[in-house]
Amino acid sequence: PEFFSGANSGGLPRAGHIPGARNAPVASVLAENGKLKPAASLRQVLTAGRSEAPALTVLYCQTGQQATVLYFAARYLGLQARLYDGSFQDWSGRPELPVEPSL
């Protein structure tokens, strides 16, 4: 959340998030034992409570590591998902791309 909001840049060129993105930390899909939560809980997190899943879900984080867990969960649910490898590290380093801080 602190990276998404822009409170912490994580050492990246710009702080914040990709416009239109939602914050879904990796912990939001994991149970206390470190395993994935039940499918209904995963669907709630990954579809933001929408009645229909989005046509495509693109998952990213700071560098693409933690987003792989969300990607796996999305694919497990049968969602059309893509992982933005390089993630916000790539995006924030490209000044022509917009960044939104939530502060």
C-alpha atoms as a PDB file:
ATOM      1  CA  PRO A   1       0.000   0.000   0.000  1.00  0.00           C
ATOM      2  CA  GLU A   2       2.778   2.503   0.747  1.00  0.00           C
ATOM      3  CA  PHE A   3       4.242   2.025  -2.737  1.00  0.00           C
ATOM      4  CA  PHE A   4       0.836   2.185  -4.433  1.00  0.00           C
ATOM      5  CA  SER A   5      -0.081   5.392  -2.611  1.00  0.00           C
ATOM      6  CA  GLY A   6       3.225   7.049  -3.412  1.00  0.00           C
ATOM      7  CA  ALA A   7       4.172   7.400   0.260  1.00  0.00           C
ATOM      8  CA  ASN A   8       7.290   5.342  -0.496  1.00  0.00           C
ATOM      9  CA  SER A   9       8.972   5.358  -3.898  1.00  0.00           C
ATOM     10  CA  GLY A  10      10.846   2.143  -3.146  1.00  0.00           C
ATOM     11  CA  GLY A  11      13.891   3.768  -4.708  1.00  0.00           C
ATOM     12  CA  LEU A  12      12.166   4.021  -8.087  1.00  0.00           C
ATOM     13  CA  PRO A  13      12.290   7.166 -10.266  1.00  0.00           C
ATOM     14  CA  ARG A  14       8.677   8.162  -9.512  1.00  0.00           C
ATOM     15  CA  ALA A  15       6.255   7.227  -6.736  1.00  0.00           C
ATOM     16  CA  GLY A  16       2.642   6.136  -7.115  1.00  0.00           C
ATOM     17  CA  HIS A  17       0.841   3.729  -9.427  1.00  0.00           C
ATOM     18  CA  ILE A  18      -0.311   3.194 -12.988  1.00  0.00           C
ATOM     19  CA  PRO A  19      -3.547   5.160 -13.648  1.00  0.00           C
ATOM     20  CA  GLY A  20      -6.622   2.958 -13.280  1.00  0.00           C
ATOM     21  CA  ALA A  21      -4.795   0.377 -11.161  1.00  0.00           C
ATOM     22  CA  ARG A  22      -6.235  -1.074  -7.957  1.00  0.00           C
ATOM     23  CA  ASN A  23      -4.187  -1.958  -4.908  1.00  0.00           C
ATOM     24  CA  ALA A  24      -4.282  -5.695  -4.122  1.00  0.00           C
ATOM     25  CA  PRO A  25      -1.299  -6.608  -1.947  1.00  0.00           C
ATOM     26  CA  VAL A  26       0.009 -10.152  -2.195  1.00  0.00           C
ATOM     27  CA  ALA A  27      -1.105 -10.769   1.403  1.00  0.00           C
ATOM     28  CA  SER A  28      -4.719 -10.202   0.316  1.00  0.00           C
ATOM     29  CA  VAL A  29      -4.752 -13.569  -1.489  1.00  0.00           C
ATOM     30  CA  LEU A  30      -2.856 -15.580   1.132  1.00  0.00           C
ATOM     31  CA  ALA A  31      -4.246 -17.298   4.224  1.00  0.00           C
ATOM     32  CA  GLU A  32      -2.366 -17.246   7.535  1.00  0.00           C
ATOM     33  CA  ASN A  33      -0.685 -20.554   6.635  1.00  0.00           C
ATOM     34  CA  GLY A  34       0.800 -18.988   3.472  1.00  0.00           C
ATOM     35  CA  LYS A  35      -1.464 -20.928   1.111  1.00  0.00           C
ATOM     36  CA  LEU A  36      -3.956 -19.357  -1.269  1.00  0.00           C
ATOM     37  CA  LYS A  37      -7.275 -18.352   0.224  1.00  0.00           C
ATOM     38  CA  PRO A  38     -10.434 -20.153  -0.957  1.00  0.00           C
ATOM     39  CA  ALA A  39     -11.556 -19.426  -4.521  1.00  0.00           C
ATOM     40  CA  ALA A  40     -14.457 -17.187  -3.435  1.00  0.00           C
ATOM     41  CA  SER A  41     -12.076 -14.953  -1.470  1.00  0.00           C
ATOM     42  CA  LEU A  42      -9.603 -14.838  -4.347  1.00  0.00           C
ATOM     43  CA  ARG A  43     -12.360 -13.867  -6.768  1.00  0.00           C
ATOM     44  CA  GLN A  44     -13.482 -11.047  -4.439  1.00  0.00           C
ATOM     45  CA  VAL A  45      -9.942  -9.615  -4.332  1.00  0.00           C
ATOM     46  CA  LEU A  46      -9.151 -10.036  -8.012  1.00  0.00           C
ATOM     47  CA  THR A  47     -12.450  -8.847  -9.467  1.00  0.00           C
ATOM     48  CA  ALA A  48     -12.969  -5.994  -6.980  1.00  0.00           C
ATOM     49  CA  GLY A  49     -16.450  -7.264  -6.177  1.00  0.00           C
ATOM     50  CA  ARG A  50     -17.655  -6.784  -9.764  1.00  0.00           C
ATOM     51  CA  SER A  51     -20.442  -9.089 -10.928  1.00  0.00           C
ATOM     52  CA  GLU A  52     -18.308  -9.953 -13.970  1.00  0.00           C
ATOM     53  CA  ALA A  53     -14.579 -10.411 -14.173  1.00  0.00           C
ATOM     54  CA  PRO A  54     -12.730  -7.922 -16.380  1.00  0.00           C
ATOM     55  CA  ALA A  55     -11.865  -9.156 -19.881  1.00  0.00           C
ATOM     56  CA  LEU A  56      -8.170  -8.953 -19.008  1.00  0.00           C
ATOM     57  CA  THR A  57      -6.376  -8.473 -15.710  1.00  0.00           C
ATOM     58  CA  VAL A  58      -2.810  -7.154 -15.788  1.00  0.00           C
ATOM     59  CA  LEU A  59      -0.900  -7.673 -12.571  1.00  0.00           C
ATOM     60  CA  TYR A  60       2.154  -5.731 -11.489  1.00  0.00           C
ATOM     61  CA  CYS A  61       4.089  -4.717  -8.396  1.00  0.00           C
ATOM     62  CA  GLN A  62       7.412  -2.942  -7.931  1.00  0.00           C
ATOM     63  CA  THR A  63       9.539  -5.374  -9.961  1.00  0.00           C
ATOM     64  CA  GLY A  64       7.174  -8.218 -10.885  1.00  0.00           C
ATOM     65  CA  GLN A  65       8.033 -10.696  -8.126  1.00  0.00           C
ATOM     66  CA  GLN A  66       5.075 -10.416  -5.730  1.00  0.00           C
ATOM     67  CA  ALA A  67       2.641  -9.977  -8.616  1.00  0.00           C
ATOM     68  CA  THR A  68       3.432 -13.542  -9.699  1.00  0.00           C
ATOM     69  CA  VAL A  69       1.380 -14.826  -6.751  1.00  0.00           C
ATOM     70  CA  LEU A  70      -1.596 -12.713  -7.860  1.00  0.00           C
ATOM     71  CA  TYR A  71      -1.054 -13.884 -11.434  1.00  0.00           C
ATOM     72  CA  PHE A  72      -1.114 -17.508 -10.309  1.00  0.00           C
ATOM     73  CA  ALA A  73      -4.313 -16.878  -8.308  1.00  0.00           C
ATOM     74  CA  ALA A  74      -5.966 -15.179 -11.285  1.00  0.00           C
ATOM     75  CA  ARG A  75      -5.083 -18.038 -13.619  1.00  0.00           C
ATOM     76  CA  TYR A  76      -6.231 -20.563 -11.000  1.00  0.00           C
ATOM     77  CA  LEU A  77      -9.635 -18.852 -11.130  1.00  0.00           C
ATOM     78  CA  GLY A  78      -9.664 -19.013 -14.923  1.00  0.00           C
ATOM     79  CA  LEU A  79      -9.262 -15.258 -15.395  1.00  0.00           C
ATOM     80  CA  GLN A  80      -7.499 -13.892 -18.455  1.00  0.00           C
ATOM     81  CA  ALA A  81      -4.383 -12.511 -16.816  1.00  0.00           C
ATOM     82  CA  ARG A  82      -1.026 -11.114 -17.803  1.00  0.00           C
ATOM     83  CA  LEU A  83       2.011 -10.296 -15.686  1.00  0.00           C
ATOM     84  CA  TYR A  84       3.776  -7.008 -16.341  1.00  0.00           C
ATOM     85  CA  ASP A  85       7.350  -8.215 -15.932  1.00  0.00           C
ATOM     86  CA  GLY A  86       9.487  -5.300 -14.823  1.00  0.00           C
ATOM     87  CA  SER A  87       6.323  -3.742 -13.432  1.00  0.00           C
ATOM     88  CA  PHE A  88       6.467  -0.299 -11.838  1.00  0.00           C
ATOM     89  CA  GLN A  89      10.254  -0.240 -12.007  1.00  0.00           C
ATOM     90  CA  ASP A  90       9.920  -0.129 -15.793  1.00  0.00           C
ATOM     91  CA  TRP A  91       6.846   2.152 -15.868  1.00  0.00           C
ATOM     92  CA  SER A  92       8.165   4.767 -13.425  1.00  0.00           C
ATOM     93  CA  GLY A  93      11.418   5.064 -15.353  1.00  0.00           C
ATOM     94  CA  ARG A  94       9.591   6.097 -18.514  1.00  0.00           C
ATOM     95  CA  PRO A  95       8.701   9.809 -18.108  1.00  0.00           C
ATOM     96  CA  GLU A  96       6.230   9.730 -21.032  1.00  0.00           C
ATOM     97  CA  LEU A  97       3.968   7.360 -19.058  1.00  0.00           C
ATOM     98  CA  PRO A  98       1.550   8.805 -16.480  1.00  0.00           C
ATOM     99  CA  VAL A  99       1.816   8.052 -12.760  1.00  0.00           C
ATOM    100  CA  GLU A 100      -0.860   8.692 -10.156  1.00  0.00           C
ATOM    101  CA  PRO A 101      -0.007   9.106  -6.507  1.00  0.00           C
ATOM    102  CA  SER A 102      -2.888   8.483  -4.092  1.00  0.00           C
ATOM    103  CA  LEU A 103      -1.640  10.941  -1.488  1.00  0.00           C
END
